[in-house]
Amino acid sequence: MLAADILSIAQEESDTELKNYEKILNGLGLTIEEAIDAERSMITTAYSDFLISSAHKGNSCEGLAAVLPCFWSYVEISERNKNRLERNENELYREWASAYLPENAPEIAMKIREIIDTSDTRYDDVKEIFADASTYELRFWDMAYDKKI
């Protein structure tokens, strides 16, 4: 069942997030290919490498623990600010945050948490990965906020 759950999450995520990226990039006059070819910051590279490494070296739950802070924080940010989104002058932010408001985004975060919580994976293993991923997520946002790309 674990593999089927993970594949279901991946499908839901790709449907939601990739459509959102395409919409945002189109609004900026960019293509996905241009975004892929763009220079990446050190934080983006390190965070991406951490996610890939966690998924490759660990078990499925350790890989999920690495991506959970991203899902969970985006849902929290969107839900906390949903009443302010309509008034937000930054159209790019409104587009991005609105994608995490539909029911499927919070459901994905909850499914990931449930899989991890009910697995046989040692708590200390996923706790450390989750903490490191949370730090990467914070550094990523700091970089974006400070426009240090």
Protein backbone atom coordinates (compact mmCIF):
# COMPACT_ATOMS: atom_id res chain seq x y z
CA MET A 1 0.00 0.00 0.00
CA LEU A 2 2.89 2.38 0.71
CA ALA A 3 4.05 2.44 -2.92
CA ALA A 4 0.51 3.10 -4.16
CA ASP A 5 0.11 5.94 -1.64
CA ILE A 6 3.38 7.54 -2.68
CA LEU A 7 2.52 7.28 -6.38
CA SER A 8 -0.88 8.82 -5.68
CA ILE A 9 0.76 11.73 -3.85
CA ALA A 10 3.25 12.22 -6.69
CA GLN A 11 0.42 12.32 -9.24
CA GLU A 12 -1.63 14.82 -7.22
CA GLU A 13 1.45 16.97 -6.67
CA SER A 14 2.48 17.01 -10.29
CA ASP A 15 -1.05 17.88 -11.41
CA THR A 16 -1.29 20.81 -9.01
CA GLU A 17 2.19 22.25 -8.83
CA LEU A 18 3.31 21.90 -12.44
CA LYS A 19 0.14 23.58 -13.70
CA ASN A 20 0.74 26.39 -11.23
CA TYR A 21 4.36 26.79 -12.35
CA GLU A 22 3.36 26.89 -15.99
CA LYS A 23 0.74 29.56 -15.25
CA ILE A 24 3.19 31.71 -13.28
CA LEU A 25 5.97 31.31 -15.84
CA ASN A 26 3.60 32.15 -18.69
CA GLY A 27 2.62 35.31 -16.82
CA LEU A 28 6.30 36.23 -16.68
CA GLY A 29 6.75 35.46 -20.37
CA LEU A 30 8.94 32.42 -19.63
CA THR A 31 8.77 28.74 -20.50
CA ILE A 32 9.46 25.76 -18.28
CA GLU A 33 12.54 25.05 -20.38
CA GLU A 34 13.88 28.55 -19.68
CA ALA A 35 13.24 28.07 -15.96
CA ILE A 36 15.05 24.73 -16.02
CA ASP A 37 18.01 26.31 -17.84
CA ALA A 38 18.17 29.33 -15.51
CA GLU A 39 21.10 29.72 -13.18
CA ARG A 40 20.32 28.19 -9.80
CA SER A 41 21.41 29.66 -6.50
CA MET A 42 23.63 27.73 -4.13
CA ILE A 43 20.66 27.30 -1.77
CA THR A 44 18.45 25.89 -4.53
CA THR A 45 21.20 23.50 -5.62
CA ALA A 46 21.96 22.35 -2.06
CA TYR A 47 18.26 21.93 -1.23
CA SER A 48 17.60 19.97 -4.43
CA ASP A 49 20.62 17.76 -3.81
CA PHE A 50 19.45 17.14 -0.23
CA LEU A 51 15.99 16.09 -1.45
CA ILE A 52 17.42 13.72 -4.05
CA SER A 53 19.95 12.29 -1.61
CA SER A 54 17.33 11.74 1.10
CA ALA A 55 15.06 9.91 -1.32
CA HIS A 56 17.89 7.85 -2.81
CA LYS A 57 19.82 6.88 0.33
CA GLY A 58 16.92 6.42 2.73
CA ASN A 59 13.69 4.51 2.65
CA SER A 60 10.42 5.86 1.27
CA CYS A 61 9.44 7.52 4.53
CA GLU A 62 12.78 9.28 4.80
CA GLY A 63 12.27 10.64 1.29
CA LEU A 64 8.80 11.81 2.26
CA ALA A 65 10.15 13.43 5.45
CA ALA A 66 12.47 15.49 3.23
CA VAL A 67 9.61 16.93 1.14
CA LEU A 68 7.07 17.31 3.96
CA PRO A 69 8.25 20.75 5.18
CA CYS A 70 7.74 22.16 1.69
CA PHE A 71 4.17 20.90 1.41
CA TRP A 72 3.25 21.65 4.98
CA SER A 73 4.70 25.17 5.08
CA TYR A 74 3.12 26.19 1.76
CA VAL A 75 -0.29 25.02 2.97
CA GLU A 76 0.18 26.87 6.27
CA ILE A 77 1.29 30.08 4.54
CA SER A 78 -1.64 29.98 2.12
CA GLU A 79 -4.24 29.15 4.73
CA ARG A 80 -2.95 31.79 7.13
CA ASN A 81 -3.05 34.45 4.41
CA LYS A 82 -6.07 33.36 2.36
CA ASN A 83 -8.21 36.31 3.50
CA ARG A 84 -5.43 38.72 2.53
CA LEU A 85 -4.65 37.17 -0.86
CA GLU A 86 -7.32 39.07 -2.75
CA ARG A 87 -5.90 42.40 -1.55
CA ASN A 88 -2.27 41.46 -2.13
CA GLU A 89 -0.78 43.66 -4.84
CA ASN A 90 1.79 41.06 -5.88
CA GLU A 91 0.02 39.04 -8.57
CA LEU A 92 2.82 36.48 -8.71
CA TYR A 93 2.46 35.76 -4.98
CA ARG A 94 -1.35 35.57 -5.27
CA GLU A 95 -1.05 33.04 -8.09
CA TRP A 96 1.47 30.94 -6.23
CA ALA A 97 -0.28 30.96 -2.84
CA SER A 98 -3.73 30.31 -4.30
CA ALA A 99 -2.56 26.97 -5.71
CA TYR A 100 -2.12 25.65 -2.17
CA LEU A 101 -5.61 26.58 -1.00
CA PRO A 102 -7.64 23.88 -2.76
CA GLU A 103 -8.52 20.85 -0.75
CA ASN A 104 -5.95 18.61 -2.41
CA ALA A 105 -2.88 20.52 -1.16
CA PRO A 106 -3.73 20.15 2.55
CA GLU A 107 -4.74 16.55 1.85
CA ILE A 108 -1.34 15.79 0.33
CA ALA A 109 0.46 17.17 3.39
CA MET A 110 -1.78 15.14 5.69
CA LYS A 111 -1.27 11.95 3.64
CA ILE A 112 2.49 12.36 3.84
CA ARG A 113 2.31 12.90 7.60
CA GLU A 114 0.07 9.86 8.02
CA ILE A 115 2.39 7.61 5.99
CA ILE A 116 5.39 8.71 8.04
CA ASP A 117 3.55 8.49 11.37
CA THR A 118 2.26 4.97 10.74
CA SER A 119 5.48 3.58 9.25
CA ASP A 120 8.10 1.42 10.92
CA THR A 121 10.75 4.05 10.22
CA ARG A 122 12.68 5.17 13.29
CA TYR A 123 11.43 8.51 14.58
CA ASP A 124 14.96 9.89 15.05
CA ASP A 125 15.80 9.18 11.39
CA VAL A 126 12.81 11.08 9.98
CA LYS A 127 13.05 13.79 12.66
CA GLU A 128 16.58 14.72 11.59
CA ILE A 129 15.66 14.72 7.89
CA PHE A 130 12.53 16.79 8.57
CA ALA A 131 14.55 19.31 10.63
CA ASP A 132 17.21 19.62 7.92
CA ALA A 133 14.56 20.02 5.21
CA SER A 134 12.84 22.70 7.30
CA THR A 135 16.14 24.58 7.53
CA TYR A 136 16.62 24.34 3.77
CA GLU A 137 13.07 25.60 3.26
CA LEU A 138 13.78 28.60 5.52
CA ARG A 139 17.05 29.34 3.70
CA PHE A 140 15.25 29.09 0.36
CA TRP A 141 12.64 31.65 1.49
CA ASP A 142 15.30 33.93 2.98
CA MET A 143 17.16 33.84 -0.35
CA ALA A 144 14.00 34.63 -2.31
CA TYR A 145 12.97 37.40 0.10
CA ASP A 146 16.41 39.00 0.01
CA LYS A 147 16.54 38.47 -3.79
CA LYS A 148 19.95 36.83 -3.48
CA ILE A 149 19.68 34.49 -6.42
